[in-house]
């Protein structure tokens, strides 16, 4: 079996976090605005992912129409670690997330093949998934305040698609299994009833083999889960809740055996939950199904708010169709994208 190139790094204890960063200063010394931060983000997307002028303009339009979309409210977000400190740490640990074999297989930088190692090799993967949360750039804060409908659109703009729930679960558990949705339980049922029945069947099937991306038991300090909510945060308000996230990839041990990172902690993630086969993004659907939030967020070491093992499916929180223009968004909710490999063996 051909094994993927592993990330090169020298093991060291995580140690103390190096700093607390309360927004990034502009040239004048004051915190950057949301628009300034977003323009820097667009420049990074252009450089790292080789996006065209037309793609960048389409991304800019989605952000502008969304209102709050970005890396959080810069006036109140307090990041435990700065992006520059993350880059310095990766140099110190001799970590390089670039992987030429993955690029050859997936056609994109910082994507990992999605496959079942028991029966397939990486080059037989039917799909690939972003290794990090969008913008899928190491040492960059994840984008939040994004609706599922906007996440789906952004994935399309950058030449990818939204992930189905089972694909995220496979990336986390280290093996892409056959889809497990129990569509028969959704026939002629309203979405909330259908999701509840399908969820119970799925969680019963996988509940006996709970696992996290990094191992068989929940551990503190492995992932980006030691952050704090803003003191005034009592819900999800833009002016009360800072997006106090870590830079992507700061915790190199927070990965699955398929080399997908930050599946626990940092931002929760929008995924597509199909209630019928013709809603599966992995089978070409563009109308998509309903919203599913995956993973956990940056306070989980302090407040274990809900289950977050790899194949766990959540209740119908803030449920809607993915394409609904008012699908849910908040200060710790982001996404990552997938891509179907057209050249994969059938």
C-alpha atoms as a PDB file:
ATOM      1  CA  UNK A   1       0.000   0.000   0.000  1.00  0.00           C
ATOM      2  CA  UNK A   2       1.251   3.469  -0.850  1.00  0.00           C
ATOM      3  CA  UNK A   3       1.365   5.578   2.280  1.00  0.00           C
ATOM      4  CA  UNK A   4       0.909   9.362   2.209  1.00  0.00           C
ATOM      5  CA  UNK A   5       3.847  11.542   3.110  1.00  0.00           C
ATOM      6  CA  UNK A   6       3.509  12.410   6.772  1.00  0.00           C
ATOM      7  CA  UNK A   7       3.915  15.939   8.039  1.00  0.00           C
ATOM      8  CA  UNK A   8       7.544  16.385   9.021  1.00  0.00           C
ATOM      9  CA  UNK A   9       7.945  17.511  12.604  1.00  0.00           C
ATOM     10  CA  UNK A  10      10.000  16.905  15.695  1.00  0.00           C
ATOM     11  CA  UNK A  11       7.878  16.013  18.741  1.00  0.00           C
ATOM     12  CA  UNK A  12       7.919  18.414  21.672  1.00  0.00           C
ATOM     13  CA  UNK A  13       5.514  19.045  24.495  1.00  0.00           C
ATOM     14  CA  UNK A  14       2.952  21.701  23.665  1.00  0.00           C
ATOM     15  CA  UNK A  15       4.210  23.969  26.437  1.00  0.00           C
ATOM     16  CA  UNK A  16       2.741  27.302  27.401  1.00  0.00           C
ATOM     17  CA  UNK A  17       0.995  29.440  24.821  1.00  0.00           C
ATOM     18  CA  UNK A  18       3.303  32.196  23.778  1.00  0.00           C
ATOM     19  CA  UNK A  19       1.045  35.241  23.909  1.00  0.00           C
ATOM     20  CA  UNK A  20      -2.425  36.685  23.950  1.00  0.00           C
ATOM     21  CA  UNK A  21      -3.291  38.769  20.899  1.00  0.00           C
ATOM     22  CA  UNK A  22      -6.092  41.322  21.137  1.00  0.00           C
ATOM     23  CA  UNK A  23      -6.595  42.133  17.481  1.00  0.00           C
ATOM     24  CA  UNK A  24      -3.904  42.995  14.937  1.00  0.00           C
ATOM     25  CA  UNK A  25      -2.759  46.599  14.815  1.00  0.00           C
ATOM     26  CA  UNK A  26      -2.840  48.627  11.617  1.00  0.00           C
ATOM     27  CA  UNK A  27       0.032  50.852  10.521  1.00  0.00           C
ATOM     28  CA  UNK A  28      -1.398  53.653  12.643  1.00  0.00           C
ATOM     29  CA  UNK A  29      -1.359  51.538  15.788  1.00  0.00           C
ATOM     30  CA  UNK A  30      -5.131  51.062  16.131  1.00  0.00           C
ATOM     31  CA  UNK A  31      -6.846  47.684  15.652  1.00  0.00           C
ATOM     32  CA  UNK A  32      -7.591  46.810  12.051  1.00  0.00           C
ATOM     33  CA  UNK A  33     -11.178  46.991  10.896  1.00  0.00           C
ATOM     34  CA  UNK A  34     -13.118  43.984   9.687  1.00  0.00           C
ATOM     35  CA  UNK A  35     -12.726  45.188   6.097  1.00  0.00           C
ATOM     36  CA  UNK A  36      -8.954  45.588   6.493  1.00  0.00           C
ATOM     37  CA  UNK A  37      -8.651  42.102   7.949  1.00  0.00           C
ATOM     38  CA  UNK A  38     -10.770  40.683   5.140  1.00  0.00           C
ATOM     39  CA  UNK A  39      -8.699  42.369   2.431  1.00  0.00           C
ATOM     40  CA  UNK A  40      -5.560  40.807   3.953  1.00  0.00           C
ATOM     41  CA  UNK A  41      -7.386  37.486   3.945  1.00  0.00           C
ATOM     42  CA  UNK A  42      -8.297  37.858   0.264  1.00  0.00           C
ATOM     43  CA  UNK A  43      -4.650  38.578  -0.553  1.00  0.00           C
ATOM     44  CA  UNK A  44      -3.616  35.405   1.276  1.00  0.00           C
ATOM     45  CA  UNK A  45      -6.252  33.381  -0.586  1.00  0.00           C
ATOM     46  CA  UNK A  46      -4.955  34.715  -3.891  1.00  0.00           C
ATOM     47  CA  UNK A  47      -1.334  33.887  -3.044  1.00  0.00           C
ATOM     48  CA  UNK A  48      -1.715  30.523  -1.307  1.00  0.00           C
ATOM     49  CA  UNK A  49      -4.531  29.022  -3.374  1.00  0.00           C
ATOM     50  CA  UNK A  50      -3.729  30.744  -6.686  1.00  0.00           C
ATOM     51  CA  UNK A  51      -7.213  32.194  -7.083  1.00  0.00           C
ATOM     52  CA  UNK A  52      -7.938  34.359 -10.103  1.00  0.00           C
ATOM     53  CA  UNK A  53      -9.044  37.983 -10.000  1.00  0.00           C
ATOM     54  CA  UNK A  54     -12.572  36.849 -10.842  1.00  0.00           C
ATOM     55  CA  UNK A  55     -12.601  34.325  -8.011  1.00  0.00           C
ATOM     56  CA  UNK A  56     -11.321  36.860  -5.497  1.00  0.00           C
ATOM     57  CA  UNK A  57     -13.970  39.355  -6.566  1.00  0.00           C
ATOM     58  CA  UNK A  58     -16.671  36.689  -6.164  1.00  0.00           C
ATOM     59  CA  UNK A  59     -15.349  35.873  -2.687  1.00  0.00           C
ATOM     60  CA  UNK A  60     -15.336  39.576  -1.837  1.00  0.00           C
ATOM     61  CA  UNK A  61     -18.975  39.886  -2.913  1.00  0.00           C
ATOM     62  CA  UNK A  62     -20.038  37.021  -0.610  1.00  0.00           C
ATOM     63  CA  UNK A  63     -18.202  38.585   2.342  1.00  0.00           C
ATOM     64  CA  UNK A  64     -19.604  42.044   1.636  1.00  0.00           C
ATOM     65  CA  UNK A  65     -23.194  40.833   1.415  1.00  0.00           C
ATOM     66  CA  UNK A  66     -22.825  38.737   4.580  1.00  0.00           C
ATOM     67  CA  UNK A  67     -22.094  41.727   6.809  1.00  0.00           C
ATOM     68  CA  UNK A  68     -20.081  40.172   9.660  1.00  0.00           C
ATOM     69  CA  UNK A  69     -18.220  37.402   7.848  1.00  0.00           C
ATOM     70  CA  UNK A  70     -14.508  37.291   8.615  1.00  0.00           C
ATOM     71  CA  UNK A  71     -12.208  36.190  11.411  1.00  0.00           C
ATOM     72  CA  UNK A  72     -14.345  37.746  14.137  1.00  0.00           C
ATOM     73  CA  UNK A  73     -15.020  41.203  15.502  1.00  0.00           C
ATOM     74  CA  UNK A  74     -11.508  42.723  15.697  1.00  0.00           C
ATOM     75  CA  UNK A  75     -12.596  45.176  18.392  1.00  0.00           C
ATOM     76  CA  UNK A  76     -13.290  42.448  20.960  1.00  0.00           C
ATOM     77  CA  UNK A  77     -11.649  39.210  19.738  1.00  0.00           C
ATOM     78  CA  UNK A  78      -8.735  38.099  21.923  1.00  0.00           C
ATOM     79  CA  UNK A  79      -6.740  35.349  20.228  1.00  0.00           C
ATOM     80  CA  UNK A  80      -4.629  33.160  22.547  1.00  0.00           C
ATOM     81  CA  UNK A  81      -1.872  33.007  19.922  1.00  0.00           C
ATOM     82  CA  UNK A  82      -0.851  35.336  17.109  1.00  0.00           C
ATOM     83  CA  UNK A  83      -0.499  34.206  13.509  1.00  0.00           C
ATOM     84  CA  UNK A  84       3.185  35.208  13.440  1.00  0.00           C
ATOM     85  CA  UNK A  85       3.793  33.255  16.643  1.00  0.00           C
ATOM     86  CA  UNK A  86       2.197  30.230  15.011  1.00  0.00           C
ATOM     87  CA  UNK A  87       4.518  30.489  12.025  1.00  0.00           C
ATOM     88  CA  UNK A  88       7.533  30.800  14.328  1.00  0.00           C
ATOM     89  CA  UNK A  89       6.427  27.743  16.291  1.00  0.00           C
ATOM     90  CA  UNK A  90       6.088  25.631  13.158  1.00  0.00           C
ATOM     91  CA  UNK A  91       9.603  26.632  12.125  1.00  0.00           C
ATOM     92  CA  UNK A  92      10.898  25.704  15.575  1.00  0.00           C
ATOM     93  CA  UNK A  93       9.169  22.317  15.423  1.00  0.00           C
ATOM     94  CA  UNK A  94      10.300  21.785  11.829  1.00  0.00           C
ATOM     95  CA  UNK A  95       6.736  21.381  10.637  1.00  0.00           C
ATOM     96  CA  UNK A  96       5.880  21.799   6.968  1.00  0.00           C
ATOM     97  CA  UNK A  97       2.247  21.199   6.079  1.00  0.00           C
ATOM     98  CA  UNK A  98       2.891  21.256   2.339  1.00  0.00           C
ATOM     99  CA  UNK A  99       2.552  17.780   0.849  1.00  0.00           C
ATOM    100  CA  UNK A 100       3.416  17.277  -2.818  1.00  0.00           C
ATOM    101  CA  UNK A 101       1.733  13.867  -2.968  1.00  0.00           C
ATOM    102  CA  UNK A 102      -1.538  15.299  -1.660  1.00  0.00           C
ATOM    103  CA  UNK A 103      -1.403  18.146  -4.198  1.00  0.00           C
ATOM    104  CA  UNK A 104      -0.884  15.627  -6.992  1.00  0.00           C
ATOM    105  CA  UNK A 105      -3.852  13.567  -5.808  1.00  0.00           C
ATOM    106  CA  UNK A 106      -6.233  16.383  -4.862  1.00  0.00           C
ATOM    107  CA  UNK A 107      -5.219  19.150  -7.251  1.00  0.00           C
ATOM    108  CA  UNK A 108      -5.314  21.742  -4.465  1.00  0.00           C
ATOM    109  CA  UNK A 109      -2.881  22.848  -1.803  1.00  0.00           C
ATOM    110  CA  UNK A 110      -3.696  21.766   1.770  1.00  0.00           C
ATOM    111  CA  UNK A 111      -6.232  19.094   0.896  1.00  0.00           C
ATOM    112  CA  UNK A 112      -6.030  15.464   2.044  1.00  0.00           C
ATOM    113  CA  UNK A 113      -7.360  12.362   0.256  1.00  0.00           C
ATOM    114  CA  UNK A 114     -10.506  10.847   1.779  1.00  0.00           C
ATOM    115  CA  UNK A 115     -10.469   7.061   1.604  1.00  0.00           C
ATOM    116  CA  UNK A 116     -10.657   3.832   3.631  1.00  0.00           C
ATOM    117  CA  UNK A 117      -7.106   2.618   4.379  1.00  0.00           C
ATOM    118  CA  UNK A 118      -8.430  -0.926   4.849  1.00  0.00           C
ATOM    119  CA  UNK A 119      -9.413  -1.216   1.197  1.00  0.00           C
ATOM    120  CA  UNK A 120      -7.892   1.727  -0.669  1.00  0.00           C
ATOM    121  CA  UNK A 121      -4.673   3.629  -1.222  1.00  0.00           C
ATOM    122  CA  UNK A 122      -4.571   7.456  -1.174  1.00  0.00           C
ATOM    123  CA  UNK A 123      -4.583   7.672  -4.966  1.00  0.00           C
ATOM    124  CA  UNK A 124      -7.853   5.685  -4.972  1.00  0.00           C
ATOM    125  CA  UNK A 125      -9.602   8.267  -2.804  1.00  0.00           C
ATOM    126  CA  UNK A 126     -13.013   9.258  -4.203  1.00  0.00           C
ATOM    127  CA  UNK A 127     -12.759  12.722  -2.658  1.00  0.00           C
ATOM    128  CA  UNK A 128     -10.479  15.134  -0.831  1.00  0.00           C
ATOM    129  CA  UNK A 129     -11.104  17.447   2.132  1.00  0.00           C
ATOM    130  CA  UNK A 130      -9.491  20.666   3.306  1.00  0.00           C
ATOM    131  CA  UNK A 131      -6.863  19.963   5.945  1.00  0.00           C
ATOM    132  CA  UNK A 132      -7.824  23.141   7.825  1.00  0.00           C
ATOM    133  CA  UNK A 133     -10.902  25.273   8.296  1.00  0.00           C
ATOM    134  CA  UNK A 134     -11.530  27.922   5.632  1.00  0.00           C
ATOM    135  CA  UNK A 135      -9.514  29.779   4.390  1.00  0.00           C
ATOM    136  CA  UNK A 136      -7.525  26.522   4.660  1.00  0.00           C
ATOM    137  CA  UNK A 137      -4.208  28.271   5.266  1.00  0.00           C
ATOM    138  CA  UNK A 138      -1.890  27.219   8.116  1.00  0.00           C
ATOM    139  CA  UNK A 139      -1.394  29.829  10.845  1.00  0.00           C
ATOM    140  CA  UNK A 140      -4.463  31.784   9.726  1.00  0.00           C
ATOM    141  CA  UNK A 141      -7.542  32.305  11.911  1.00  0.00           C
ATOM    142  CA  UNK A 142     -10.644  30.518  10.616  1.00  0.00           C
ATOM    143  CA  UNK A 143     -13.469  32.443   8.977  1.00  0.00           C
ATOM    144  CA  UNK A 144     -16.606  32.621  11.123  1.00  0.00           C
ATOM    145  CA  UNK A 145     -19.955  34.412  11.045  1.00  0.00           C
ATOM    146  CA  UNK A 146     -20.658  32.453   7.868  1.00  0.00           C
ATOM    147  CA  UNK A 147     -24.030  30.951   6.975  1.00  0.00           C
ATOM    148  CA  UNK A 148     -24.274  27.454   5.495  1.00  0.00           C
ATOM    149  CA  UNK A 149     -25.553  28.969   2.257  1.00  0.00           C
ATOM    150  CA  UNK A 150     -22.500  31.235   2.112  1.00  0.00           C
ATOM    151  CA  UNK A 151     -20.156  28.354   2.949  1.00  0.00           C
ATOM    152  CA  UNK A 152     -21.566  26.347   0.047  1.00  0.00           C
ATOM    153  CA  UNK A 153     -21.121  29.310  -2.291  1.00  0.00           C
ATOM    154  CA  UNK A 154     -17.536  29.985  -1.175  1.00  0.00           C
ATOM    155  CA  UNK A 155     -16.584  26.342  -1.688  1.00  0.00           C
ATOM    156  CA  UNK A 156     -17.962  26.557  -5.218  1.00  0.00           C
ATOM    157  CA  UNK A 157     -16.076  29.773  -5.958  1.00  0.00           C
ATOM    158  CA  UNK A 158     -12.733  28.219  -5.031  1.00  0.00           C
ATOM    159  CA  UNK A 159     -13.436  25.171  -7.210  1.00  0.00           C
ATOM    160  CA  UNK A 160     -14.657  22.780  -4.536  1.00  0.00           C
ATOM    161  CA  UNK A 161     -17.961  21.870  -2.882  1.00  0.00           C
ATOM    162  CA  UNK A 162     -19.520  21.528   0.538  1.00  0.00           C
ATOM    163  CA  UNK A 163     -18.766  18.287   2.377  1.00  0.00           C
ATOM    164  CA  UNK A 164     -21.409  15.725   3.242  1.00  0.00           C
ATOM    165  CA  UNK A 165     -21.604  14.827   6.931  1.00  0.00           C
ATOM    166  CA  UNK A 166     -20.193  11.317   6.424  1.00  0.00           C
ATOM    167  CA  UNK A 167     -17.134  12.747   4.664  1.00  0.00           C
ATOM    168  CA  UNK A 168     -16.234  14.957   7.624  1.00  0.00           C
ATOM    169  CA  UNK A 169     -16.808  11.977   9.924  1.00  0.00           C
ATOM    170  CA  UNK A 170     -14.507   9.796   7.816  1.00  0.00           C
ATOM    171  CA  UNK A 171     -11.810  12.469   7.757  1.00  0.00           C
ATOM    172  CA  UNK A 172     -11.983  12.632  11.545  1.00  0.00           C
ATOM    173  CA  UNK A 173     -12.157   8.889  12.247  1.00  0.00           C
ATOM    174  CA  UNK A 174      -9.427   8.064   9.729  1.00  0.00           C
ATOM    175  CA  UNK A 175     -11.559   6.015   7.333  1.00  0.00           C
ATOM    176  CA  UNK A 176     -14.171   7.093   4.803  1.00  0.00           C
ATOM    177  CA  UNK A 177     -16.997   4.586   5.148  1.00  0.00           C
ATOM    178  CA  UNK A 178     -20.040   4.083   2.957  1.00  0.00           C
ATOM    179  CA  UNK A 179     -22.697   6.776   3.503  1.00  0.00           C
ATOM    180  CA  UNK A 180     -24.882   6.060   6.543  1.00  0.00           C
ATOM    181  CA  UNK A 181     -27.977   8.255   6.425  1.00  0.00           C
ATOM    182  CA  UNK A 182     -30.978   5.898   6.785  1.00  0.00           C
ATOM    183  CA  UNK A 183     -32.940   7.821   4.172  1.00  0.00           C
ATOM    184  CA  UNK A 184     -35.906   5.490   4.688  1.00  0.00           C
ATOM    185  CA  UNK A 185     -36.484   7.149   8.067  1.00  0.00           C
ATOM    186  CA  UNK A 186     -36.965  10.544   6.397  1.00  0.00           C
ATOM    187  CA  UNK A 187     -39.702   9.596   3.934  1.00  0.00           C
ATOM    188  CA  UNK A 188     -42.776  11.821   4.354  1.00  0.00           C
ATOM    189  CA  UNK A 189     -41.403  13.281   7.603  1.00  0.00           C
ATOM    190  CA  UNK A 190     -40.803  16.940   8.448  1.00  0.00           C
ATOM    191  CA  UNK A 191     -37.070  17.729   8.583  1.00  0.00           C
ATOM    192  CA  UNK A 192     -36.760  17.930  12.375  1.00  0.00           C
ATOM    193  CA  UNK A 193     -38.477  14.554  12.842  1.00  0.00           C
ATOM    194  CA  UNK A 194     -36.467  12.986  10.037  1.00  0.00           C
ATOM    195  CA  UNK A 195     -33.145  14.267  11.382  1.00  0.00           C
ATOM    196  CA  UNK A 196     -33.954  13.015  14.881  1.00  0.00           C
ATOM    197  CA  UNK A 197     -34.782   9.504  13.649  1.00  0.00           C
ATOM    198  CA  UNK A 198     -31.798   9.313  11.300  1.00  0.00           C
ATOM    199  CA  UNK A 199     -29.506  10.668  14.003  1.00  0.00           C
ATOM    200  CA  UNK A 200     -30.602   8.083  16.580  1.00  0.00           C
ATOM    201  CA  UNK A 201     -30.001   5.226  14.143  1.00  0.00           C
ATOM    202  CA  UNK A 202     -26.583   6.574  13.157  1.00  0.00           C
ATOM    203  CA  UNK A 203     -25.381   7.293  16.692  1.00  0.00           C
ATOM    204  CA  UNK A 204     -26.525   3.881  17.932  1.00  0.00           C
ATOM    205  CA  UNK A 205     -24.481   2.244  15.188  1.00  0.00           C
ATOM    206  CA  UNK A 206     -21.275   4.146  15.983  1.00  0.00           C
ATOM    207  CA  UNK A 207     -21.671   4.926  19.687  1.00  0.00           C
ATOM    208  CA  UNK A 208     -19.844   1.781  20.746  1.00  0.00           C
ATOM    209  CA  UNK A 209     -16.676   2.817  18.923  1.00  0.00           C
ATOM    210  CA  UNK A 210     -16.369   6.463  19.953  1.00  0.00           C
ATOM    211  CA  UNK A 211     -13.092   8.063  18.926  1.00  0.00           C
ATOM    212  CA  UNK A 212     -11.576  11.473  18.385  1.00  0.00           C
ATOM    213  CA  UNK A 213      -9.278  12.416  15.547  1.00  0.00           C
ATOM    214  CA  UNK A 214      -6.225  12.027  17.809  1.00  0.00           C
ATOM    215  CA  UNK A 215      -7.240   8.883  19.687  1.00  0.00           C
ATOM    216  CA  UNK A 216      -9.802   6.780  21.529  1.00  0.00           C
ATOM    217  CA  UNK A 217     -10.485   9.169  24.425  1.00  0.00           C
ATOM    218  CA  UNK A 218     -11.121  12.895  24.794  1.00  0.00           C
ATOM    219  CA  UNK A 219      -7.997  14.783  25.824  1.00  0.00           C
ATOM    220  CA  UNK A 220      -7.445  18.354  26.890  1.00  0.00           C
ATOM    221  CA  UNK A 221      -4.561  20.355  25.505  1.00  0.00           C
ATOM    222  CA  UNK A 222      -4.361  18.459  22.210  1.00  0.00           C
ATOM    223  CA  UNK A 223      -6.548  20.774  20.139  1.00  0.00           C
ATOM    224  CA  UNK A 224      -7.542  24.430  20.010  1.00  0.00           C
ATOM    225  CA  UNK A 225     -10.012  24.042  22.868  1.00  0.00           C
ATOM    226  CA  UNK A 226      -8.444  26.082  25.682  1.00  0.00           C
ATOM    227  CA  UNK A 227      -9.739  29.514  24.629  1.00  0.00           C
ATOM    228  CA  UNK A 228     -12.157  31.722  26.544  1.00  0.00           C
ATOM    229  CA  UNK A 229     -15.435  33.333  25.633  1.00  0.00           C
ATOM    230  CA  UNK A 230     -15.630  37.091  25.864  1.00  0.00           C
ATOM    231  CA  UNK A 231     -16.810  38.146  29.311  1.00  0.00           C
ATOM    232  CA  UNK A 232     -19.911  39.836  27.901  1.00  0.00           C
ATOM    233  CA  UNK A 233     -20.803  36.913  25.637  1.00  0.00           C
ATOM    234  CA  UNK A 234     -24.226  35.580  26.576  1.00  0.00           C
ATOM    235  CA  UNK A 235     -25.197  34.221  23.182  1.00  0.00           C
ATOM    236  CA  UNK A 236     -23.901  34.979  19.740  1.00  0.00           C
ATOM    237  CA  UNK A 237     -23.926  38.732  19.331  1.00  0.00           C
ATOM    238  CA  UNK A 238     -21.325  40.468  17.135  1.00  0.00           C
ATOM    239  CA  UNK A 239     -20.713  43.182  19.733  1.00  0.00           C
ATOM    240  CA  UNK A 240     -20.529  40.791  22.708  1.00  0.00           C
ATOM    241  CA  UNK A 241     -18.832  37.607  21.492  1.00  0.00           C
ATOM    242  CA  UNK A 242     -15.268  37.673  20.250  1.00  0.00           C
ATOM    243  CA  UNK A 243     -14.058  34.923  17.940  1.00  0.00           C
ATOM    244  CA  UNK A 244     -11.173  34.002  20.229  1.00  0.00           C
ATOM    245  CA  UNK A 245      -9.767  31.311  17.963  1.00  0.00           C
ATOM    246  CA  UNK A 246      -6.281  29.893  17.482  1.00  0.00           C
ATOM    247  CA  UNK A 247      -4.386  29.970  14.185  1.00  0.00           C
ATOM    248  CA  UNK A 248      -5.047  26.900  12.033  1.00  0.00           C
ATOM    249  CA  UNK A 249      -2.515  24.143  12.525  1.00  0.00           C
ATOM    250  CA  UNK A 250      -1.049  25.545  15.769  1.00  0.00           C
ATOM    251  CA  UNK A 251      -1.726  22.154  17.395  1.00  0.00           C
ATOM    252  CA  UNK A 252      -0.046  19.630  15.054  1.00  0.00           C
ATOM    253  CA  UNK A 253      -1.145  16.655  17.178  1.00  0.00           C
ATOM    254  CA  UNK A 254      -4.777  17.628  16.645  1.00  0.00           C
ATOM    255  CA  UNK A 255      -5.102  15.580  13.484  1.00  0.00           C
ATOM    256  CA  UNK A 256      -6.541  12.376  12.184  1.00  0.00           C
ATOM    257  CA  UNK A 257      -4.580   9.558  10.592  1.00  0.00           C
ATOM    258  CA  UNK A 258      -5.673  11.011   7.230  1.00  0.00           C
ATOM    259  CA  UNK A 259      -3.792  14.228   8.103  1.00  0.00           C
ATOM    260  CA  UNK A 260      -6.826  16.446   8.583  1.00  0.00           C
ATOM    261  CA  UNK A 261      -6.417  19.049  11.348  1.00  0.00           C
ATOM    262  CA  UNK A 262      -8.478  21.063  13.841  1.00  0.00           C
ATOM    263  CA  UNK A 263     -11.525  18.831  13.601  1.00  0.00           C
ATOM    264  CA  UNK A 264     -11.991  19.494  17.316  1.00  0.00           C
ATOM    265  CA  UNK A 265     -11.777  23.016  18.672  1.00  0.00           C
ATOM    266  CA  UNK A 266     -11.414  26.410  17.006  1.00  0.00           C
ATOM    267  CA  UNK A 267     -14.598  26.753  14.918  1.00  0.00           C
ATOM    268  CA  UNK A 268     -17.566  24.452  14.645  1.00  0.00           C
ATOM    269  CA  UNK A 269     -18.155  23.604  10.986  1.00  0.00           C
ATOM    270  CA  UNK A 270     -21.096  23.661   8.597  1.00  0.00           C
ATOM    271  CA  UNK A 271     -21.679  20.411   6.704  1.00  0.00           C
ATOM    272  CA  UNK A 272     -24.377  19.140   4.380  1.00  0.00           C
ATOM    273  CA  UNK A 273     -26.786  16.597   5.904  1.00  0.00           C
ATOM    274  CA  UNK A 274     -28.795  14.994   3.082  1.00  0.00           C
ATOM    275  CA  UNK A 275     -32.262  13.659   3.845  1.00  0.00           C
ATOM    276  CA  UNK A 276     -32.456  11.958   0.445  1.00  0.00           C
ATOM    277  CA  UNK A 277     -29.889  10.609  -1.996  1.00  0.00           C
ATOM    278  CA  UNK A 278     -30.447  13.473  -4.439  1.00  0.00           C
ATOM    279  CA  UNK A 279     -29.255  15.910  -1.761  1.00  0.00           C
ATOM    280  CA  UNK A 280     -25.773  14.364  -1.443  1.00  0.00           C
ATOM    281  CA  UNK A 281     -23.004  16.745  -2.460  1.00  0.00           C
ATOM    282  CA  UNK A 282     -20.659  13.761  -2.812  1.00  0.00           C
ATOM    283  CA  UNK A 283     -22.926  12.432  -5.570  1.00  0.00           C
ATOM    284  CA  UNK A 284     -23.181  15.679  -7.456  1.00  0.00           C
ATOM    285  CA  UNK A 285     -26.132  17.423  -5.833  1.00  0.00           C
ATOM    286  CA  UNK A 286     -26.054  21.189  -5.954  1.00  0.00           C
ATOM    287  CA  UNK A 287     -29.413  21.720  -4.267  1.00  0.00           C
ATOM    288  CA  UNK A 288     -28.000  20.075  -1.110  1.00  0.00           C
ATOM    289  CA  UNK A 289     -29.833  19.007   2.032  1.00  0.00           C
ATOM    290  CA  UNK A 290     -30.006  20.375   5.561  1.00  0.00           C
ATOM    291  CA  UNK A 291     -27.523  21.899   7.950  1.00  0.00           C
ATOM    292  CA  UNK A 292     -25.306  19.830  10.251  1.00  0.00           C
ATOM    293  CA  UNK A 293     -22.730  21.373  12.602  1.00  0.00           C
ATOM    294  CA  UNK A 294     -19.599  19.301  13.109  1.00  0.00           C
ATOM    295  CA  UNK A 295     -16.732  19.365  15.575  1.00  0.00           C
ATOM    296  CA  UNK A 296     -16.427  21.606  18.584  1.00  0.00           C
ATOM    297  CA  UNK A 297     -15.242  25.133  19.316  1.00  0.00           C
ATOM    298  CA  UNK A 298     -12.541  27.002  21.161  1.00  0.00           C
ATOM    299  CA  UNK A 299     -13.866  26.691  24.772  1.00  0.00           C
ATOM    300  CA  UNK A 300     -14.313  22.928  24.999  1.00  0.00           C
ATOM    301  CA  UNK A 301     -11.571  22.328  27.565  1.00  0.00           C
ATOM    302  CA  UNK A 302     -13.468  24.685  29.870  1.00  0.00           C
ATOM    303  CA  UNK A 303     -17.067  23.923  28.891  1.00  0.00           C
ATOM    304  CA  UNK A 304     -17.730  20.540  27.306  1.00  0.00           C
ATOM    305  CA  UNK A 305     -20.915  21.792  25.702  1.00  0.00           C
ATOM    306  CA  UNK A 306     -21.890  18.646  23.770  1.00  0.00           C
ATOM    307  CA  UNK A 307     -20.455  15.442  22.328  1.00  0.00           C
ATOM    308  CA  UNK A 308     -17.792  15.844  19.678  1.00  0.00           C
ATOM    309  CA  UNK A 309     -16.500  12.359  18.862  1.00  0.00           C
ATOM    310  CA  UNK A 310     -15.827  11.819  15.204  1.00  0.00           C
ATOM    311  CA  UNK A 311     -18.948  10.077  13.944  1.00  0.00           C
ATOM    312  CA  UNK A 312     -21.385  11.820  16.313  1.00  0.00           C
ATOM    313  CA  UNK A 313     -24.298  13.580  14.643  1.00  0.00           C
ATOM    314  CA  UNK A 314     -25.871  16.539  16.356  1.00  0.00           C
ATOM    315  CA  UNK A 315     -29.526  17.408  16.960  1.00  0.00           C
ATOM    316  CA  UNK A 316     -31.260  19.673  14.457  1.00  0.00           C
ATOM    317  CA  UNK A 317     -29.751  22.828  15.992  1.00  0.00           C
ATOM    318  CA  UNK A 318     -30.729  25.996  14.111  1.00  0.00           C
ATOM    319  CA  UNK A 319     -31.884  23.624  11.379  1.00  0.00           C
ATOM    320  CA  UNK A 320     -32.604  24.791   7.864  1.00  0.00           C
ATOM    321  CA  UNK A 321     -31.843  23.888   4.290  1.00  0.00           C
ATOM    322  CA  UNK A 322     -28.193  24.568   3.502  1.00  0.00           C
ATOM    323  CA  UNK A 323     -29.210  26.896   0.674  1.00  0.00           C
ATOM    324  CA  UNK A 324     -31.599  28.933   2.837  1.00  0.00           C
ATOM    325  CA  UNK A 325     -30.412  32.562   2.712  1.00  0.00           C
ATOM    326  CA  UNK A 326     -30.910  32.927   6.484  1.00  0.00           C
ATOM    327  CA  UNK A 327     -29.238  29.701   7.587  1.00  0.00           C
ATOM    328  CA  UNK A 328     -27.531  30.052  10.957  1.00  0.00           C
ATOM    329  CA  UNK A 329     -24.282  31.918  11.618  1.00  0.00           C
ATOM    330  CA  UNK A 330     -22.406  32.933  14.768  1.00  0.00           C
ATOM    331  CA  UNK A 331     -19.035  33.840  16.253  1.00  0.00           C
ATOM    332  CA  UNK A 332     -17.603  30.313  16.413  1.00  0.00           C
ATOM    333  CA  UNK A 333     -19.129  28.704  13.324  1.00  0.00           C
ATOM    334  CA  UNK A 334     -17.056  28.171  10.193  1.00  0.00           C
ATOM    335  CA  UNK A 335     -16.595  25.461   7.563  1.00  0.00           C
ATOM    336  CA  UNK A 336     -14.202  23.542   5.349  1.00  0.00           C
ATOM    337  CA  UNK A 337     -14.661  22.281   1.799  1.00  0.00           C
ATOM    338  CA  UNK A 338     -14.436  18.968  -0.034  1.00  0.00           C
ATOM    339  CA  UNK A 339     -13.805  18.076  -3.673  1.00  0.00           C
ATOM    340  CA  UNK A 340     -14.854  15.056  -5.691  1.00  0.00           C
ATOM    341  CA  UNK A 341     -11.984  13.401  -7.547  1.00  0.00           C
ATOM    342  CA  UNK A 342     -13.206  12.914 -11.080  1.00  0.00           C
ATOM    343  CA  UNK A 343     -10.170  10.754 -11.877  1.00  0.00           C
ATOM    344  CA  UNK A 344     -10.661   8.402  -8.931  1.00  0.00           C
ATOM    345  CA  UNK A 345     -10.913   4.688  -9.820  1.00  0.00           C
ATOM    346  CA  UNK A 346     -14.529   3.497  -9.945  1.00  0.00           C
END
